[in-house]
Amino acid sequence: MGWFRQAPGKQREFVAGISWAGDTTYIINSVKGR
C-alpha cells in the first residue's frame, strides 16, 4: 500500500509505502522523521 499527495499545479508525488507483510516501509526524505 502507498500514500501519495498532489498540490495544486503539481504532479502527484509518492510519500510513503508499506509492504504487503507490513515489515518494510519507505518514506521520502522530505517527510522522514515526521
PDB file of all heavy atoms in Angstrom:
ATOM      1  N   MET A   1       0.837  -1.191   0.000  1.00  0.00           N
ATOM      2  CA  MET A   1       0.000   0.000   0.000  1.00  0.00           C
ATOM      3  C   MET A   1       0.875   1.245   0.000  1.00  0.00           C
ATOM      4  O   MET A   1       2.023   1.211   0.455  1.00  0.00           O
ATOM      5  CB  MET A   1      -0.911   0.026   1.226  1.00  0.00           C
ATOM      6  CG  MET A   1      -1.909  -1.114   1.300  1.00  0.00           C
ATOM      7  SD  MET A   1      -3.144  -1.043  -0.034  1.00  0.00           S
ATOM      8  CE  MET A   1      -3.908   0.563   0.281  1.00  0.00           C
ATOM      9  N   GLY A   2       0.311   2.334  -0.488  1.00  0.00           N
ATOM     10  CA  GLY A   2       1.065   3.573  -0.525  1.00  0.00           C
ATOM     11  C   GLY A   2       0.211   4.799  -0.302  1.00  0.00           C
ATOM     12  O   GLY A   2      -1.018   4.761  -0.433  1.00  0.00           O
ATOM     13  N   TRP A   3       0.888   5.868   0.051  1.00  0.00           N
ATOM     14  CA  TRP A   3       0.281   7.190   0.144  1.00  0.00           C
ATOM     15  C   TRP A   3       0.992   8.136  -0.809  1.00  0.00           C
ATOM     16  O   TRP A   3       2.229   8.139  -0.882  1.00  0.00           O
ATOM     17  CB  TRP A   3       0.364   7.755   1.561  1.00  0.00           C
ATOM     18  CG  TRP A   3      -0.600   7.146   2.530  1.00  0.00           C
ATOM     19  CD1 TRP A   3      -0.356   6.155   3.420  1.00  0.00           C
ATOM     20  CD2 TRP A   3      -1.975   7.516   2.699  1.00  0.00           C
ATOM     21  NE1 TRP A   3      -1.484   5.873   4.147  1.00  0.00           N
ATOM     22  CE2 TRP A   3      -2.490   6.691   3.730  1.00  0.00           C
ATOM     23  CE3 TRP A   3      -2.813   8.452   2.099  1.00  0.00           C
ATOM     24  CZ2 TRP A   3      -3.812   6.784   4.152  1.00  0.00           C
ATOM     25  CZ3 TRP A   3      -4.129   8.538   2.523  1.00  0.00           C
ATOM     26  CH2 TRP A   3      -4.615   7.713   3.536  1.00  0.00           C
ATOM     27  N   PHE A   4       0.216   8.923  -1.521  1.00  0.00           N
ATOM     28  CA  PHE A   4       0.715   9.939  -2.434  1.00  0.00           C
ATOM     29  C   PHE A   4       0.061  11.265  -2.086  1.00  0.00           C
ATOM     30  O   PHE A   4      -0.940  11.305  -1.379  1.00  0.00           O
ATOM     31  CB  PHE A   4       0.395   9.577  -3.888  1.00  0.00           C
ATOM     32  CG  PHE A   4       1.107   8.365  -4.393  1.00  0.00           C
ATOM     33  CD1 PHE A   4       0.714   7.096  -4.002  1.00  0.00           C
ATOM     34  CD2 PHE A   4       2.177   8.490  -5.274  1.00  0.00           C
ATOM     35  CE1 PHE A   4       1.366   5.967  -4.477  1.00  0.00           C
ATOM     36  CE2 PHE A   4       2.833   7.368  -5.755  1.00  0.00           C
ATOM     37  CZ  PHE A   4       2.435   6.111  -5.358  1.00  0.00           C
ATOM     38  N   ARG A   5       0.617  12.345  -2.613  1.00  0.00           N
ATOM     39  CA  ARG A   5      -0.011  13.642  -2.438  1.00  0.00           C
ATOM     40  C   ARG A   5       0.147  14.475  -3.698  1.00  0.00           C
ATOM     41  O   ARG A   5       1.079  14.282  -4.474  1.00  0.00           O
ATOM     42  CB  ARG A   5       0.553  14.386  -1.232  1.00  0.00           C
ATOM     43  CG  ARG A   5       2.024  14.768  -1.348  1.00  0.00           C
ATOM     44  CD  ARG A   5       2.509  15.361  -0.030  1.00  0.00           C
ATOM     45  NE  ARG A   5       3.899  15.767  -0.095  1.00  0.00           N
ATOM     46  CZ  ARG A   5       4.589  16.230   0.942  1.00  0.00           C
ATOM     47  NH1 ARG A   5       4.003  16.349   2.132  1.00  0.00           N
ATOM     48  NH2 ARG A   5       5.864  16.584   0.791  1.00  0.00           N
ATOM     49  N   GLN A   6      -0.782  15.402  -3.879  1.00  0.00           N
ATOM     50  CA  GLN A   6      -0.757  16.276  -5.042  1.00  0.00           C
ATOM     51  C   GLN A   6      -1.221  17.670  -4.643  1.00  0.00           C
ATOM     52  O   GLN A   6      -2.353  17.848  -4.204  1.00  0.00           O
ATOM     53  CB  GLN A   6      -1.634  15.731  -6.161  1.00  0.00           C
ATOM     54  CG  GLN A   6      -1.507  16.490  -7.468  1.00  0.00           C
ATOM     55  CD  GLN A   6      -2.125  15.742  -8.626  1.00  0.00           C
ATOM     56  OE1 GLN A   6      -2.955  14.862  -8.440  1.00  0.00           O
ATOM     57  NE2 GLN A   6      -1.704  16.086  -9.831  1.00  0.00           N
ATOM     58  N   ALA A   7      -0.328  18.627  -4.786  1.00  0.00           N
ATOM     59  CA  ALA A   7      -0.645  20.017  -4.529  1.00  0.00           C
ATOM     60  C   ALA A   7      -1.150  20.662  -5.820  1.00  0.00           C
ATOM     61  O   ALA A   7      -0.842  20.185  -6.917  1.00  0.00           O
ATOM     62  CB  ALA A   7       0.583  20.754  -4.011  1.00  0.00           C
ATOM     63  N   PRO A   8      -1.917  21.750  -5.723  1.00  0.00           N
ATOM     64  CA  PRO A   8      -2.417  22.412  -6.929  1.00  0.00           C
ATOM     65  C   PRO A   8      -1.290  22.791  -7.882  1.00  0.00           C
ATOM     66  O   PRO A   8      -0.287  23.370  -7.470  1.00  0.00           O
ATOM     67  CB  PRO A   8      -3.118  23.652  -6.392  1.00  0.00           C
ATOM     68  CG  PRO A   8      -3.529  23.265  -5.011  1.00  0.00           C
ATOM     69  CD  PRO A   8      -2.420  22.390  -4.504  1.00  0.00           C
ATOM     70  N   GLY A   9      -1.454  22.435  -9.149  1.00  0.00           N
ATOM     71  CA  GLY A   9      -0.470  22.767 -10.156  1.00  0.00           C
ATOM     72  C   GLY A   9       0.753  21.884 -10.173  1.00  0.00           C
ATOM     73  O   GLY A   9       1.668  22.121 -10.970  1.00  0.00           O
ATOM     74  N   LYS A  10       0.800  20.876  -9.325  1.00  0.00           N
ATOM     75  CA  LYS A  10       1.940  19.977  -9.263  1.00  0.00           C
ATOM     76  C   LYS A  10       1.513  18.546  -9.558  1.00  0.00           C
ATOM     77  O   LYS A  10       0.342  18.195  -9.426  1.00  0.00           O
ATOM     78  CB  LYS A  10       2.606  20.047  -7.893  1.00  0.00           C
ATOM     79  CG  LYS A  10       3.187  21.404  -7.538  1.00  0.00           C
ATOM     80  CD  LYS A  10       3.890  21.369  -6.202  1.00  0.00           C
ATOM     81  CE  LYS A  10       4.492  22.722  -5.862  1.00  0.00           C
ATOM     82  NZ  LYS A  10       5.177  22.704  -4.544  1.00  0.00           N
ATOM     83  N   GLN A  11       2.467  17.723  -9.954  1.00  0.00           N
ATOM     84  CA  GLN A  11       2.159  16.332 -10.234  1.00  0.00           C
ATOM     85  C   GLN A  11       2.085  15.528  -8.940  1.00  0.00           C
ATOM     86  O   GLN A  11       2.594  15.936  -7.896  1.00  0.00           O
ATOM     87  CB  GLN A  11       3.191  15.731 -11.188  1.00  0.00           C
ATOM     88  CG  GLN A  11       4.583  15.581 -10.620  1.00  0.00           C
ATOM     89  CD  GLN A  11       5.531  15.017 -11.647  1.00  0.00           C
ATOM     90  OE1 GLN A  11       5.940  15.728 -12.563  1.00  0.00           O
ATOM     91  NE2 GLN A  11       5.860  13.742 -11.514  1.00  0.00           N
ATOM     92  N   ARG A  12       1.433  14.391  -9.039  1.00  0.00           N
ATOM     93  CA  ARG A  12       1.279  13.533  -7.886  1.00  0.00           C
ATOM     94  C   ARG A  12       2.635  12.994  -7.438  1.00  0.00           C
ATOM     95  O   ARG A  12       3.457  12.565  -8.248  1.00  0.00           O
ATOM     96  CB  ARG A  12       0.327  12.388  -8.208  1.00  0.00           C
ATOM     97  CG  ARG A  12      -0.137  11.616  -6.995  1.00  0.00           C
ATOM     98  CD  ARG A  12      -1.352  10.752  -7.330  1.00  0.00           C
ATOM     99  NE  ARG A  12      -2.489  11.569  -7.740  1.00  0.00           N
ATOM    100  CZ  ARG A  12      -3.710  11.085  -7.935  1.00  0.00           C
ATOM    101  NH1 ARG A  12      -3.961   9.793  -7.762  1.00  0.00           N
ATOM    102  NH2 ARG A  12      -4.686  11.900  -8.320  1.00  0.00           N
ATOM    103  N   GLU A  13       2.865  13.017  -6.131  1.00  0.00           N
ATOM    104  CA  GLU A  13       4.144  12.672  -5.543  1.00  0.00           C
ATOM    105  C   GLU A  13       3.990  11.507  -4.575  1.00  0.00           C
ATOM    106  O   GLU A  13       3.106  11.514  -3.713  1.00  0.00           O
ATOM    107  CB  GLU A  13       4.705  13.894  -4.805  1.00  0.00           C
ATOM    108  CG  GLU A  13       5.972  13.641  -3.997  1.00  0.00           C
ATOM    109  CD  GLU A  13       6.324  14.803  -3.085  1.00  0.00           C
ATOM    110  OE1 GLU A  13       5.404  15.466  -2.572  1.00  0.00           O
ATOM    111  OE2 GLU A  13       7.538  15.054  -2.900  1.00  0.00           O
ATOM    112  N   PHE A  14       4.872  10.532  -4.686  1.00  0.00           N
ATOM    113  CA  PHE A  14       4.909   9.450  -3.716  1.00  0.00           C
ATOM    114  C   PHE A  14       5.360   9.978  -2.369  1.00  0.00           C
ATOM    115  O   PHE A  14       6.299  10.774  -2.285  1.00  0.00           O
ATOM    116  CB  PHE A  14       5.865   8.351  -4.191  1.00  0.00           C
ATOM    117  CG  PHE A  14       6.086   7.267  -3.184  1.00  0.00           C
ATOM    118  CD1 PHE A  14       5.168   6.238  -3.038  1.00  0.00           C
ATOM    119  CD2 PHE A  14       7.209   7.265  -2.377  1.00  0.00           C
ATOM    120  CE1 PHE A  14       5.362   5.228  -2.108  1.00  0.00           C
ATOM    121  CE2 PHE A  14       7.418   6.266  -1.443  1.00  0.00           C
ATOM    122  CZ  PHE A  14       6.488   5.243  -1.310  1.00  0.00           C
ATOM    123  N   VAL A  15       4.707   9.532  -1.316  1.00  0.00           N
ATOM    124  CA  VAL A  15       5.045   9.962   0.039  1.00  0.00           C
ATOM    125  C   VAL A  15       5.564   8.806   0.880  1.00  0.00           C
ATOM    126  O   VAL A  15       6.623   8.902   1.508  1.00  0.00           O
ATOM    127  CB  VAL A  15       3.840  10.608   0.745  1.00  0.00           C
ATOM    128  CG1 VAL A  15       4.196  10.988   2.181  1.00  0.00           C
ATOM    129  CG2 VAL A  15       3.364  11.834  -0.027  1.00  0.00           C
ATOM    130  N   ALA A  16       4.825   7.711   0.910  1.00  0.00           N
ATOM    131  CA  ALA A  16       5.188   6.587   1.766  1.00  0.00           C
ATOM    132  C   ALA A  16       4.585   5.301   1.236  1.00  0.00           C
ATOM    133  O   ALA A  16       3.503   5.306   0.654  1.00  0.00           O
ATOM    134  CB  ALA A  16       4.716   6.824   3.200  1.00  0.00           C
ATOM    135  N   GLY A  17       5.285   4.195   1.457  1.00  0.00           N
ATOM    136  CA  GLY A  17       4.790   2.893   1.066  1.00  0.00           C
ATOM    137  C   GLY A  17       5.078   1.867   2.136  1.00  0.00           C
ATOM    138  O   GLY A  17       6.004   2.027   2.935  1.00  0.00           O
ATOM    139  N   ILE A  18       4.281   0.809   2.138  1.00  0.00           N
ATOM    140  CA  ILE A  18       4.457  -0.275   3.096  1.00  0.00           C
ATOM    141  C   ILE A  18       4.221  -1.593   2.378  1.00  0.00           C
ATOM    142  O   ILE A  18       3.312  -1.719   1.568  1.00  0.00           O
ATOM    143  CB  ILE A  18       3.520  -0.100   4.314  1.00  0.00           C
ATOM    144  CG1 ILE A  18       3.799  -1.160   5.382  1.00  0.00           C
ATOM    145  CG2 ILE A  18       2.050  -0.108   3.891  1.00  0.00           C
ATOM    146  CD1 ILE A  18       3.151  -0.830   6.724  1.00  0.00           C
ATOM    147  N   SER A  19       5.059  -2.584   2.668  1.00  0.00           N
ATOM    148  CA  SER A  19       4.973  -3.874   2.009  1.00  0.00           C
ATOM    149  C   SER A  19       3.708  -4.618   2.406  1.00  0.00           C
ATOM    150  O   SER A  19       3.049  -4.284   3.399  1.00  0.00           O
ATOM    151  CB  SER A  19       6.201  -4.716   2.349  1.00  0.00           C
ATOM    152  OG  SER A  19       6.227  -5.040   3.722  1.00  0.00           O
ATOM    153  N   TRP A  20       3.396  -5.655   1.637  1.00  0.00           N
ATOM    154  CA  TRP A  20       2.179  -6.426   1.922  1.00  0.00           C
ATOM    155  C   TRP A  20       2.223  -7.050   3.311  1.00  0.00           C
ATOM    156  O   TRP A  20       1.187  -7.186   3.968  1.00  0.00           O
ATOM    157  CB  TRP A  20       1.959  -7.513   0.860  1.00  0.00           C
ATOM    158  CG  TRP A  20       3.032  -8.569   0.820  1.00  0.00           C
ATOM    159  CD1 TRP A  20       4.156  -8.571   0.058  1.00  0.00           C
ATOM    160  CD2 TRP A  20       3.060  -9.782   1.581  1.00  0.00           C
ATOM    161  NE1 TRP A  20       4.895  -9.707   0.290  1.00  0.00           N
ATOM    162  CE2 TRP A  20       4.240 -10.470   1.221  1.00  0.00           C
ATOM    163  CE3 TRP A  20       2.205 -10.360   2.523  1.00  0.00           C
ATOM    164  CZ2 TRP A  20       4.588 -11.698   1.779  1.00  0.00           C
ATOM    165  CZ3 TRP A  20       2.554 -11.584   3.076  1.00  0.00           C
ATOM    166  CH2 TRP A  20       3.726 -12.234   2.703  1.00  0.00           C
ATOM    167  N   ALA A  21       3.423  -7.427   3.769  1.00  0.00           N
ATOM    168  CA  ALA A  21       3.565  -8.030   5.087  1.00  0.00           C
ATOM    169  C   ALA A  21       3.650  -6.992   6.199  1.00  0.00           C
ATOM    170  O   ALA A  21       3.580  -7.357   7.376  1.00  0.00           O
ATOM    171  CB  ALA A  21       4.798  -8.924   5.125  1.00  0.00           C
ATOM    172  N   GLY A  22       3.808  -5.732   5.837  1.00  0.00           N
ATOM    173  CA  GLY A  22       3.911  -4.679   6.826  1.00  0.00           C
ATOM    174  C   GLY A  22       5.244  -4.608   7.535  1.00  0.00           C
ATOM    175  O   GLY A  22       5.380  -3.874   8.518  1.00  0.00           O
ATOM    176  N   ASP A  23       6.224  -5.341   7.028  1.00  0.00           N
ATOM    177  CA  ASP A  23       7.511  -5.414   7.705  1.00  0.00           C
ATOM    178  C   ASP A  23       8.553  -4.445   7.161  1.00  0.00           C
ATOM    179  O   ASP A  23       9.594  -4.258   7.790  1.00  0.00           O
ATOM    180  CB  ASP A  23       8.062  -6.843   7.666  1.00  0.00           C
ATOM    181  CG  ASP A  23       8.190  -7.397   6.256  1.00  0.00           C
ATOM    182  OD1 ASP A  23       7.641  -6.795   5.318  1.00  0.00           O
ATOM    183  OD2 ASP A  23       8.837  -8.450   6.103  1.00  0.00           O
ATOM    184  N   THR A  24       8.273  -3.840   6.010  1.00  0.00           N
ATOM    185  CA  THR A  24       9.187  -2.848   5.455  1.00  0.00           C
ATOM    186  C   THR A  24       8.399  -1.638   4.979  1.00  0.00           C
ATOM    187  O   THR A  24       7.264  -1.762   4.516  1.00  0.00           O
ATOM    188  CB  THR A  24      10.013  -3.407   4.293  1.00  0.00           C
ATOM    189  OG1 THR A  24       9.135  -3.895   3.269  1.00  0.00           O
ATOM    190  CG2 THR A  24      10.925  -4.532   4.765  1.00  0.00           C
ATOM    191  N   THR A  25       9.008  -0.485   5.093  1.00  0.00           N
ATOM    192  CA  THR A  25       8.394   0.759   4.648  1.00  0.00           C
ATOM    193  C   THR A  25       9.408   1.612   3.915  1.00  0.00           C
ATOM    194  O   THR A  25      10.621   1.431   4.057  1.00  0.00           O
ATOM    195  CB  THR A  25       7.830   1.575   5.820  1.00  0.00           C
ATOM    196  OG1 THR A  25       8.898   1.955   6.701  1.00  0.00           O
ATOM    197  CG2 THR A  25       6.797   0.771   6.601  1.00  0.00           C
ATOM    198  N   TYR A  26       8.898   2.561   3.128  1.00  0.00           N
ATOM    199  CA  TYR A  26       9.747   3.566   2.522  1.00  0.00           C
ATOM    200  C   TYR A  26       9.070   4.914   2.669  1.00  0.00           C
ATOM    201  O   TYR A  26       7.895   5.062   2.333  1.00  0.00           O
ATOM    202  CB  TYR A  26      10.025   3.280   1.046  1.00  0.00           C
ATOM    203  CG  TYR A  26      10.968   4.295   0.458  1.00  0.00           C
ATOM    204  CD1 TYR A  26      12.338   4.220   0.713  1.00  0.00           C
ATOM    205  CD2 TYR A  26      10.501   5.360  -0.309  1.00  0.00           C
ATOM    206  CE1 TYR A  26      13.208   5.169   0.223  1.00  0.00           C
ATOM    207  CE2 TYR A  26      11.368   6.313  -0.805  1.00  0.00           C
ATOM    208  CZ  TYR A  26      12.726   6.216  -0.540  1.00  0.00           C
ATOM    209  OH  TYR A  26      13.586   7.164  -1.034  1.00  0.00           O
ATOM    210  N   ILE A  27       9.822   5.889   3.155  1.00  0.00           N
ATOM    211  CA  ILE A  27       9.338   7.240   3.370  1.00  0.00           C
ATOM    212  C   ILE A  27      10.252   8.202   2.633  1.00  0.00           C
ATOM    213  O   ILE A  27      11.476   8.095   2.751  1.00  0.00           O
ATOM    214  CB  ILE A  27       9.320   7.597   4.870  1.00  0.00           C
ATOM    215  CG1 ILE A  27       8.640   6.511   5.708  1.00  0.00           C
ATOM    216  CG2 ILE A  27       8.666   8.949   5.092  1.00  0.00           C
ATOM    217  CD1 ILE A  27       7.164   6.387   5.482  1.00  0.00           C
ATOM    218  N   ILE A  28       9.680   9.147   1.900  1.00  0.00           N
ATOM    219  CA  ILE A  28      10.525  10.102   1.187  1.00  0.00           C
ATOM    220  C   ILE A  28      11.244  11.014   2.176  1.00  0.00           C
ATOM    221  O   ILE A  28      10.765  11.267   3.281  1.00  0.00           O
ATOM    222  CB  ILE A  28       9.727  10.931   0.159  1.00  0.00           C
ATOM    223  CG1 ILE A  28       8.605  11.726   0.839  1.00  0.00           C
ATOM    224  CG2 ILE A  28       9.198  10.033  -0.934  1.00  0.00           C
ATOM    225  CD1 ILE A  28       7.942  12.732  -0.088  1.00  0.00           C
ATOM    226  N   ASN A  29      12.390  11.503   1.742  1.00  0.00           N
ATOM    227  CA  ASN A  29      13.248  12.263   2.641  1.00  0.00           C
ATOM    228  C   ASN A  29      12.586  13.517   3.203  1.00  0.00           C
ATOM    229  O   ASN A  29      12.839  13.885   4.358  1.00  0.00           O
ATOM    230  CB  ASN A  29      14.545  12.640   1.927  1.00  0.00           C
ATOM    231  CG  ASN A  29      15.459  11.456   1.721  1.00  0.00           C
ATOM    232  OD1 ASN A  29      15.398  10.474   2.451  1.00  0.00           O
ATOM    233  ND2 ASN A  29      16.325  11.548   0.723  1.00  0.00           N
ATOM    234  N   SER A  30      11.745  14.167   2.423  1.00  0.00           N
ATOM    235  CA  SER A  30      11.160  15.424   2.860  1.00  0.00           C
ATOM    236  C   SER A  30      10.194  15.277   4.037  1.00  0.00           C
ATOM    237  O   SER A  30       9.902  16.262   4.719  1.00  0.00           O
ATOM    238  CB  SER A  30      10.457  16.123   1.694  1.00  0.00           C
ATOM    239  OG  SER A  30       9.401  15.331   1.186  1.00  0.00           O
ATOM    240  N   VAL A  31       9.697  14.067   4.265  1.00  0.00           N
ATOM    241  CA  VAL A  31       8.787  13.843   5.385  1.00  0.00           C
ATOM    242  C   VAL A  31       9.327  12.842   6.394  1.00  0.00           C
ATOM    243  O   VAL A  31       8.685  12.600   7.422  1.00  0.00           O
ATOM    244  CB  VAL A  31       7.387  13.403   4.915  1.00  0.00           C
ATOM    245  CG1 VAL A  31       6.812  14.403   3.929  1.00  0.00           C
ATOM    246  CG2 VAL A  31       7.421  12.007   4.303  1.00  0.00           C
ATOM    247  N   LYS A  32      10.483  12.278   6.119  1.00  0.00           N
ATOM    248  CA  LYS A  32      11.078  11.292   7.017  1.00  0.00           C
ATOM    249  C   LYS A  32      11.304  11.907   8.396  1.00  0.00           C
ATOM    250  O   LYS A  32      11.798  13.017   8.521  1.00  0.00           O
ATOM    251  CB  LYS A  32      12.385  10.774   6.436  1.00  0.00           C
ATOM    252  CG  LYS A  32      12.947   9.549   7.146  1.00  0.00           C
ATOM    253  CD  LYS A  32      14.170   8.996   6.416  1.00  0.00           C
ATOM    254  CE  LYS A  32      13.800   8.486   5.034  1.00  0.00           C
ATOM    255  NZ  LYS A  32      14.978   7.908   4.314  1.00  0.00           N
ATOM    256  N   GLY A  33      10.930  11.157   9.412  1.00  0.00           N
ATOM    257  CA  GLY A  33      11.024  11.649  10.771  1.00  0.00           C
ATOM    258  C   GLY A  33       9.784  12.367  11.239  1.00  0.00           C
ATOM    259  O   GLY A  33       9.628  12.619  12.440  1.00  0.00           O
ATOM    260  N   ARG A  34       8.888  12.706  10.305  1.00  0.00           N
ATOM    261  CA  ARG A  34       7.632  13.371  10.644  1.00  0.00           C
ATOM    262  C   ARG A  34       6.414  12.500  10.335  1.00  0.00           C
ATOM    263  O   ARG A  34       5.430  12.538  11.064  1.00  0.00           O
ATOM    264  CB  ARG A  34       7.504  14.692   9.892  1.00  0.00           C
ATOM    265  CG  ARG A  34       8.613  15.687  10.219  1.00  0.00           C
ATOM    266  CD  ARG A  34       8.336  17.057   9.614  1.00  0.00           C
ATOM    267  NE  ARG A  34       8.312  17.023   8.153  1.00  0.00           N
ATOM    268  CZ  ARG A  34       7.258  17.332   7.402  1.00  0.00           C
ATOM    269  NH1 ARG A  34       6.121  17.703   7.978  1.00  0.00           N
ATOM    270  NH2 ARG A  34       7.339  17.288   6.079  1.00  0.00           N
TER     271      ARG A  34
END
